[in-house]
Amino acid sequence: MTIELLSLTESIVNYLREKIITGEFKPGQKLNEVVISNSLNISRPPLREAFRILEQEKLVVNISRKGTYLTKITKENLEDVYQTREMIECFAIDLLKAKNTKDFSKIEHAIARTVEINSKNKIDSLKIFNEFHIRLVESADNVFLKHFYIAINSNLLRYQFLFFDGIIQYSFEDHKQIYRYLWEGEFEKAKDLVRTHIRKFLPIFEVKGDDEITSYKPNYSLPSSS
């Protein structure tokens, strides 16, 4: 496979991933190869490779002899993503404690970058805000842990996009306090706050009989954990 093809495939993946996260492509929708390849003026092989990558991220599913479909947004999937996120982030802090880590510059930089958030560009702003958690995991210096976290990140962003304003409003102080605890060596307090922080923003969704999410009401009634 050529470098050019890999670069093209990556561009296609980024394009489709953003359409999925923002809801422009609807949950359960079939992705038509002909329509997409014609609209992007690309050949089918790199598009199929992009579909394969998105399937690994659990954003799409390929059904034999039927085609490629977006995965649905469901309460069960949401809970699975958040449970996995909590497990990874809390274990990352356990590693930071075990290694007696002192360098939290990546996390500090992620907090500083929040000044770049612009509510008019939700997807880029959400990625900046979510960088705090990515850098937290990255600071544990375990390549597999980071790999697992990145693997669920697209699904995480897909749900977070639904309640973007609530995340921005209620999360920033938690991020700063988690950083303070880490910097002070209070790893258990940091882990407790991460766990509370993640569970606090698990929204309450209204679901249909097949468990598909139809609407949501963020659980903002919980007290601040900062």
C-alpha atoms as a PDB file:
ATOM      1  CA  MET A   1       0.000   0.000   0.000  1.00  0.00           C
ATOM      2  CA  THR A   2       1.405   3.359  -0.998  1.00  0.00           C
ATOM      3  CA  ILE A   3       1.994   6.310   1.299  1.00  0.00           C
ATOM      4  CA  GLU A   4      -0.353   8.366  -0.886  1.00  0.00           C
ATOM      5  CA  LEU A   5      -3.147   5.837  -0.429  1.00  0.00           C
ATOM      6  CA  LEU A   6      -2.642   5.763   3.321  1.00  0.00           C
ATOM      7  CA  SER A   7      -2.773   9.545   3.435  1.00  0.00           C
ATOM      8  CA  LEU A   8      -5.947   9.590   1.355  1.00  0.00           C
ATOM      9  CA  THR A   9      -7.535   6.909   3.507  1.00  0.00           C
ATOM     10  CA  GLU A  10      -6.718   8.867   6.658  1.00  0.00           C
ATOM     11  CA  SER A  11      -8.322  11.976   5.164  1.00  0.00           C
ATOM     12  CA  ILE A  12     -11.440  10.011   4.276  1.00  0.00           C
ATOM     13  CA  VAL A  13     -11.612   8.523   7.782  1.00  0.00           C
ATOM     14  CA  ASN A  14     -11.342  11.978   9.360  1.00  0.00           C
ATOM     15  CA  TYR A  15     -14.059  13.311   7.045  1.00  0.00           C
ATOM     16  CA  LEU A  16     -16.486  10.463   7.723  1.00  0.00           C
ATOM     17  CA  ARG A  17     -15.709  10.338  11.442  1.00  0.00           C
ATOM     18  CA  GLU A  18     -16.593  14.012  11.844  1.00  0.00           C
ATOM     19  CA  LYS A  19     -19.858  13.532   9.938  1.00  0.00           C
ATOM     20  CA  ILE A  20     -20.726  10.670  12.291  1.00  0.00           C
ATOM     21  CA  ILE A  21     -19.756  12.484  15.512  1.00  0.00           C
ATOM     22  CA  THR A  22     -21.718  15.614  14.615  1.00  0.00           C
ATOM     23  CA  GLY A  23     -24.786  13.630  13.580  1.00  0.00           C
ATOM     24  CA  GLU A  24     -24.739  14.770   9.960  1.00  0.00           C
ATOM     25  CA  PHE A  25     -24.717  11.060   9.164  1.00  0.00           C
ATOM     26  CA  LYS A  26     -27.570   9.599  11.180  1.00  0.00           C
ATOM     27  CA  PRO A  27     -27.365   6.554  13.476  1.00  0.00           C
ATOM     28  CA  GLY A  28     -28.401   3.429  11.584  1.00  0.00           C
ATOM     29  CA  GLN A  29     -27.920   5.127   8.208  1.00  0.00           C
ATOM     30  CA  LYS A  30     -26.419   3.110   5.345  1.00  0.00           C
ATOM     31  CA  LEU A  31     -23.220   4.541   3.909  1.00  0.00           C
ATOM     32  CA  ASN A  32     -23.535   4.384   0.125  1.00  0.00           C
ATOM     33  CA  GLU A  33     -20.123   3.717  -1.439  1.00  0.00           C
ATOM     34  CA  VAL A  34     -21.099   5.054  -4.842  1.00  0.00           C
ATOM     35  CA  VAL A  35     -22.562   8.293  -3.508  1.00  0.00           C
ATOM     36  CA  ILE A  36     -19.647   8.990  -1.159  1.00  0.00           C
ATOM     37  CA  SER A  37     -16.937   8.082  -3.667  1.00  0.00           C
ATOM     38  CA  ASN A  38     -18.556  10.293  -6.328  1.00  0.00           C
ATOM     39  CA  SER A  39     -19.081  13.223  -3.943  1.00  0.00           C
ATOM     40  CA  LEU A  40     -15.450  13.081  -2.784  1.00  0.00           C
ATOM     41  CA  ASN A  41     -14.125  12.213  -6.250  1.00  0.00           C
ATOM     42  CA  ILE A  42     -12.226   9.205  -4.934  1.00  0.00           C
ATOM     43  CA  SER A  43     -11.927   5.553  -5.902  1.00  0.00           C
ATOM     44  CA  ARG A  44     -13.611   2.758  -3.955  1.00  0.00           C
ATOM     45  CA  PRO A  45     -10.533   0.964  -2.448  1.00  0.00           C
ATOM     46  CA  PRO A  46      -9.445   3.779  -0.057  1.00  0.00           C
ATOM     47  CA  LEU A  47     -13.096   4.349   0.885  1.00  0.00           C
ATOM     48  CA  ARG A  48     -13.497   0.674   1.775  1.00  0.00           C
ATOM     49  CA  GLU A  49     -10.320   0.848   3.829  1.00  0.00           C
ATOM     50  CA  ALA A  50     -11.768   3.888   5.628  1.00  0.00           C
ATOM     51  CA  PHE A  51     -14.934   1.890   6.353  1.00  0.00           C
ATOM     52  CA  ARG A  52     -12.764  -0.884   7.814  1.00  0.00           C
ATOM     53  CA  ILE A  53     -11.020   1.562  10.170  1.00  0.00           C
ATOM     54  CA  LEU A  54     -14.331   3.069  11.269  1.00  0.00           C
ATOM     55  CA  GLU A  55     -15.660  -0.427  11.920  1.00  0.00           C
ATOM     56  CA  GLN A  56     -12.714  -1.061  14.240  1.00  0.00           C
ATOM     57  CA  GLU A  57     -13.746   2.097  16.109  1.00  0.00           C
ATOM     58  CA  LYS A  58     -17.303   0.703  16.382  1.00  0.00           C
ATOM     59  CA  LEU A  59     -18.718   3.682  14.505  1.00  0.00           C
ATOM     60  CA  VAL A  60     -19.964   1.547  11.610  1.00  0.00           C
ATOM     61  CA  VAL A  61     -20.810  -2.105  11.085  1.00  0.00           C
ATOM     62  CA  ASN A  62     -20.529  -4.086   7.870  1.00  0.00           C
ATOM     63  CA  ILE A  63     -23.417  -6.450   7.238  1.00  0.00           C
ATOM     64  CA  SER A  64     -22.658  -9.167   4.719  1.00  0.00           C
ATOM     65  CA  ARG A  65     -24.394  -8.675   1.354  1.00  0.00           C
ATOM     66  CA  LYS A  66     -26.164  -5.581   2.687  1.00  0.00           C
ATOM     67  CA  GLY A  67     -23.500  -2.915   3.136  1.00  0.00           C
ATOM     68  CA  THR A  68     -22.012  -0.622   5.768  1.00  0.00           C
ATOM     69  CA  TYR A  69     -24.250   1.045   8.352  1.00  0.00           C
ATOM     70  CA  LEU A  70     -23.654   3.527  11.145  1.00  0.00           C
ATOM     71  CA  THR A  71     -23.969   2.000  14.581  1.00  0.00           C
ATOM     72  CA  LYS A  72     -26.927   3.219  16.579  1.00  0.00           C
ATOM     73  CA  ILE A  73     -26.737   5.520  19.578  1.00  0.00           C
ATOM     74  CA  THR A  74     -28.062   3.445  22.447  1.00  0.00           C
ATOM     75  CA  LYS A  75     -28.161   3.563  26.214  1.00  0.00           C
ATOM     76  CA  GLU A  76     -26.289   0.251  26.432  1.00  0.00           C
ATOM     77  CA  ASN A  77     -23.513   1.474  24.138  1.00  0.00           C
ATOM     78  CA  LEU A  78     -23.262   4.748  26.059  1.00  0.00           C
ATOM     79  CA  GLU A  79     -22.871   2.899  29.346  1.00  0.00           C
ATOM     80  CA  ASP A  80     -20.259   0.559  27.848  1.00  0.00           C
ATOM     81  CA  VAL A  81     -18.214   3.505  26.559  1.00  0.00           C
ATOM     82  CA  TYR A  82     -18.351   5.342  29.886  1.00  0.00           C
ATOM     83  CA  GLN A  83     -17.526   2.235  31.916  1.00  0.00           C
ATOM     84  CA  THR A  84     -14.498   1.597  29.716  1.00  0.00           C
ATOM     85  CA  ARG A  85     -13.463   5.222  29.963  1.00  0.00           C
ATOM     86  CA  GLU A  86     -13.673   5.158  33.752  1.00  0.00           C
ATOM     87  CA  MET A  87     -11.622   1.956  33.941  1.00  0.00           C
ATOM     88  CA  ILE A  88      -8.846   3.335  31.706  1.00  0.00           C
ATOM     89  CA  GLU A  89      -8.588   6.765  33.324  1.00  0.00           C
ATOM     90  CA  CYS A  90      -8.620   5.429  36.880  1.00  0.00           C
ATOM     91  CA  PHE A  91      -5.990   2.812  36.052  1.00  0.00           C
ATOM     92  CA  ALA A  92      -3.898   5.538  34.402  1.00  0.00           C
ATOM     93  CA  ILE A  93      -3.861   7.365  37.742  1.00  0.00           C
ATOM     94  CA  ASP A  94      -2.887   4.135  39.497  1.00  0.00           C
ATOM     95  CA  LEU A  95       0.104   3.947  37.137  1.00  0.00           C
ATOM     96  CA  LEU A  96       0.989   7.581  37.800  1.00  0.00           C
ATOM     97  CA  LYS A  97       0.986   6.801  41.510  1.00  0.00           C
ATOM     98  CA  ALA A  98       3.033   3.609  41.108  1.00  0.00           C
ATOM     99  CA  LYS A  99       5.628   5.433  39.033  1.00  0.00           C
ATOM    100  CA  ASN A 100       5.573   8.426  41.383  1.00  0.00           C
ATOM    101  CA  THR A 101       5.130  10.647  38.357  1.00  0.00           C
ATOM    102  CA  LYS A 102       6.020  14.310  38.806  1.00  0.00           C
ATOM    103  CA  ASP A 103       5.690  15.621  35.260  1.00  0.00           C
ATOM    104  CA  PHE A 104       2.141  16.686  34.448  1.00  0.00           C
ATOM    105  CA  SER A 105       3.064  19.290  31.839  1.00  0.00           C
ATOM    106  CA  LYS A 106       0.942  17.638  29.138  1.00  0.00           C
ATOM    107  CA  ILE A 107      -2.129  17.867  31.354  1.00  0.00           C
ATOM    108  CA  GLU A 108      -1.330  21.457  32.261  1.00  0.00           C
ATOM    109  CA  HIS A 109      -0.974  22.326  28.573  1.00  0.00           C
ATOM    110  CA  ALA A 110      -4.339  20.704  27.813  1.00  0.00           C
ATOM    111  CA  ILE A 111      -6.016  22.869  30.465  1.00  0.00           C
ATOM    112  CA  ALA A 112      -4.334  25.981  29.072  1.00  0.00           C
ATOM    113  CA  ARG A 113      -5.630  25.198  25.594  1.00  0.00           C
ATOM    114  CA  THR A 114      -9.244  25.545  26.717  1.00  0.00           C
ATOM    115  CA  VAL A 115      -8.955  29.287  26.078  1.00  0.00           C
ATOM    116  CA  GLU A 116      -9.110  28.349  22.378  1.00  0.00           C
ATOM    117  CA  ILE A 117     -12.616  26.938  22.745  1.00  0.00           C
ATOM    118  CA  ASN A 118     -15.158  28.642  20.505  1.00  0.00           C
ATOM    119  CA  SER A 119     -18.791  27.658  20.900  1.00  0.00           C
ATOM    120  CA  LYS A 120     -19.337  28.377  17.199  1.00  0.00           C
ATOM    121  CA  ASN A 121     -17.090  25.449  16.305  1.00  0.00           C
ATOM    122  CA  LYS A 122     -18.405  22.653  18.488  1.00  0.00           C
ATOM    123  CA  ILE A 123     -16.433  19.739  17.095  1.00  0.00           C
ATOM    124  CA  ASP A 124     -12.996  21.388  17.300  1.00  0.00           C
ATOM    125  CA  SER A 125     -13.798  22.854  20.711  1.00  0.00           C
ATOM    126  CA  LEU A 126     -14.933  19.486  22.007  1.00  0.00           C
ATOM    127  CA  LYS A 127     -11.696  17.884  20.825  1.00  0.00           C
ATOM    128  CA  ILE A 128      -9.689  20.577  22.650  1.00  0.00           C
ATOM    129  CA  PHE A 129     -11.696  20.076  25.824  1.00  0.00           C
ATOM    130  CA  ASN A 130     -11.436  16.284  25.624  1.00  0.00           C
ATOM    131  CA  GLU A 131      -7.669  16.575  25.256  1.00  0.00           C
ATOM    132  CA  PHE A 132      -7.408  16.841  29.053  1.00  0.00           C
ATOM    133  CA  HIS A 133      -8.459  13.217  29.428  1.00  0.00           C
ATOM    134  CA  ILE A 134      -6.266  12.014  26.576  1.00  0.00           C
ATOM    135  CA  ARG A 135      -3.203  13.683  28.138  1.00  0.00           C
ATOM    136  CA  LEU A 136      -4.106  12.224  31.520  1.00  0.00           C
ATOM    137  CA  VAL A 137      -3.975   8.720  30.062  1.00  0.00           C
ATOM    138  CA  GLU A 138      -0.913   9.550  27.961  1.00  0.00           C
ATOM    139  CA  SER A 139       0.966  10.717  31.064  1.00  0.00           C
ATOM    140  CA  ALA A 140       0.804   7.167  32.440  1.00  0.00           C
ATOM    141  CA  ASP A 141       3.336   6.276  29.731  1.00  0.00           C
ATOM    142  CA  ASN A 142       1.690   3.026  28.669  1.00  0.00           C
ATOM    143  CA  VAL A 143       1.277   2.764  24.896  1.00  0.00           C
ATOM    144  CA  PHE A 144      -1.402   0.071  25.093  1.00  0.00           C
ATOM    145  CA  LEU A 145      -3.496   2.026  27.570  1.00  0.00           C
ATOM    146  CA  LYS A 146      -3.352   5.064  25.303  1.00  0.00           C
ATOM    147  CA  HIS A 147      -4.251   2.882  22.306  1.00  0.00           C
ATOM    148  CA  PHE A 148      -7.341   1.541  24.067  1.00  0.00           C
ATOM    149  CA  TYR A 149      -8.426   5.043  25.072  1.00  0.00           C
ATOM    150  CA  ILE A 150      -8.029   6.447  21.566  1.00  0.00           C
ATOM    151  CA  ALA A 151     -10.032   3.468  20.282  1.00  0.00           C
ATOM    152  CA  ILE A 152     -13.111   4.527  22.287  1.00  0.00           C
ATOM    153  CA  ASN A 153     -12.591   8.261  21.905  1.00  0.00           C
ATOM    154  CA  SER A 154     -14.620   8.669  18.705  1.00  0.00           C
ATOM    155  CA  ASN A 155     -17.628   6.998  20.319  1.00  0.00           C
ATOM    156  CA  LEU A 156     -17.139   9.150  23.402  1.00  0.00           C
ATOM    157  CA  LEU A 157     -17.113  12.325  21.288  1.00  0.00           C
ATOM    158  CA  ARG A 158     -20.248  11.155  19.518  1.00  0.00           C
ATOM    159  CA  TYR A 159     -22.193  11.224  22.778  1.00  0.00           C
ATOM    160  CA  GLN A 160     -20.474  14.291  24.188  1.00  0.00           C
ATOM    161  CA  PHE A 161     -21.406  16.271  21.090  1.00  0.00           C
ATOM    162  CA  LEU A 162     -25.051  15.906  22.120  1.00  0.00           C
ATOM    163  CA  PHE A 163     -24.530  17.851  25.350  1.00  0.00           C
ATOM    164  CA  PHE A 164     -21.519  19.973  24.451  1.00  0.00           C
ATOM    165  CA  ASP A 165     -22.669  23.116  26.297  1.00  0.00           C
ATOM    166  CA  GLY A 166     -23.148  21.208  29.535  1.00  0.00           C
ATOM    167  CA  ILE A 167     -19.674  19.692  29.352  1.00  0.00           C
ATOM    168  CA  ILE A 168     -18.010  23.056  28.834  1.00  0.00           C
ATOM    169  CA  GLN A 169     -19.990  24.684  31.627  1.00  0.00           C
ATOM    170  CA  TYR A 170     -19.570  22.028  34.297  1.00  0.00           C
ATOM    171  CA  SER A 171     -16.260  20.263  33.590  1.00  0.00           C
ATOM    172  CA  PHE A 172     -13.564  22.916  33.640  1.00  0.00           C
ATOM    173  CA  GLU A 173     -13.311  23.265  37.421  1.00  0.00           C
ATOM    174  CA  ASP A 174     -13.151  19.485  37.785  1.00  0.00           C
ATOM    175  CA  HIS A 175     -10.254  19.352  35.318  1.00  0.00           C
ATOM    176  CA  LYS A 176      -8.323  21.988  37.239  1.00  0.00           C
ATOM    177  CA  GLN A 177      -8.926  20.249  40.572  1.00  0.00           C
ATOM    178  CA  ILE A 178      -7.853  16.862  39.200  1.00  0.00           C
ATOM    179  CA  TYR A 179      -4.639  18.479  37.978  1.00  0.00           C
ATOM    180  CA  ARG A 180      -4.061  20.088  41.394  1.00  0.00           C
ATOM    181  CA  TYR A 181      -4.470  16.740  43.153  1.00  0.00           C
ATOM    182  CA  LEU A 182      -2.005  15.081  40.778  1.00  0.00           C
ATOM    183  CA  TRP A 183       0.514  17.881  41.172  1.00  0.00           C
ATOM    184  CA  GLU A 184       0.220  17.603  44.958  1.00  0.00           C
ATOM    185  CA  GLY A 185       0.676  13.822  44.835  1.00  0.00           C
ATOM    186  CA  GLU A 186      -2.890  13.200  46.026  1.00  0.00           C
ATOM    187  CA  PHE A 187      -3.453  10.402  43.525  1.00  0.00           C
ATOM    188  CA  GLU A 188      -6.357   8.730  45.335  1.00  0.00           C
ATOM    189  CA  LYS A 189      -8.228  12.020  45.547  1.00  0.00           C
ATOM    190  CA  ALA A 190      -7.552  12.597  41.854  1.00  0.00           C
ATOM    191  CA  LYS A 191      -8.896   9.139  41.014  1.00  0.00           C
ATOM    192  CA  ASP A 192     -12.013   9.630  43.140  1.00  0.00           C
ATOM    193  CA  LEU A 193     -12.693  12.930  41.416  1.00  0.00           C
ATOM    194  CA  VAL A 194     -12.148  11.437  37.951  1.00  0.00           C
ATOM    195  CA  ARG A 195     -14.632   8.692  38.772  1.00  0.00           C
ATOM    196  CA  THR A 196     -17.195  11.195  40.092  1.00  0.00           C
ATOM    197  CA  HIS A 197     -16.547  13.506  37.142  1.00  0.00           C
ATOM    198  CA  ILE A 198     -17.218  10.770  34.591  1.00  0.00           C
ATOM    199  CA  ARG A 199     -20.338   9.449  36.308  1.00  0.00           C
ATOM    200  CA  LYS A 200     -21.701  12.948  36.852  1.00  0.00           C
ATOM    201  CA  PHE A 201     -21.976  13.520  33.124  1.00  0.00           C
ATOM    202  CA  LEU A 202     -23.537  10.203  32.253  1.00  0.00           C
ATOM    203  CA  PRO A 203     -26.785  11.645  30.892  1.00  0.00           C
ATOM    204  CA  ILE A 204     -30.261  10.315  31.419  1.00  0.00           C
ATOM    205  CA  PHE A 205     -31.645   9.269  28.048  1.00  0.00           C
ATOM    206  CA  GLU A 206     -35.142   8.497  26.901  1.00  0.00           C
ATOM    207  CA  VAL A 207     -35.118   5.285  24.904  1.00  0.00           C
ATOM    208  CA  LYS A 208     -37.426   3.407  22.576  1.00  0.00           C
ATOM    209  CA  GLY A 209     -38.262  -0.257  22.953  1.00  0.00           C
ATOM    210  CA  ASP A 210     -35.106  -1.311  21.115  1.00  0.00           C
ATOM    211  CA  ASP A 211     -33.011   0.754  23.536  1.00  0.00           C
ATOM    212  CA  GLU A 212     -32.198   3.366  20.899  1.00  0.00           C
ATOM    213  CA  ILE A 213     -31.665   6.838  22.309  1.00  0.00           C
ATOM    214  CA  THR A 214     -34.253   9.356  21.134  1.00  0.00           C
ATOM    215  CA  SER A 215     -33.594  12.295  23.449  1.00  0.00           C
ATOM    216  CA  TYR A 216     -31.642  13.125  26.562  1.00  0.00           C
ATOM    217  CA  LYS A 217     -31.683  15.123  29.734  1.00  0.00           C
ATOM    218  CA  PRO A 218     -28.202  15.694  31.209  1.00  0.00           C
ATOM    219  CA  ASN A 219     -28.025  14.905  34.906  1.00  0.00           C
ATOM    220  CA  TYR A 220     -27.014  18.383  36.048  1.00  0.00           C
ATOM    221  CA  SER A 221     -28.722  17.973  39.414  1.00  0.00           C
ATOM    222  CA  LEU A 222     -25.664  16.297  40.906  1.00  0.00           C
ATOM    223  CA  PRO A 223     -23.580  18.560  43.143  1.00  0.00           C
ATOM    224  CA  SER A 224     -20.271  19.886  41.909  1.00  0.00           C
ATOM    225  CA  SER A 225     -17.382  17.626  42.817  1.00  0.00           C
ATOM    226  CA  SER A 226     -14.788  20.398  42.878  1.00  0.00           C
END
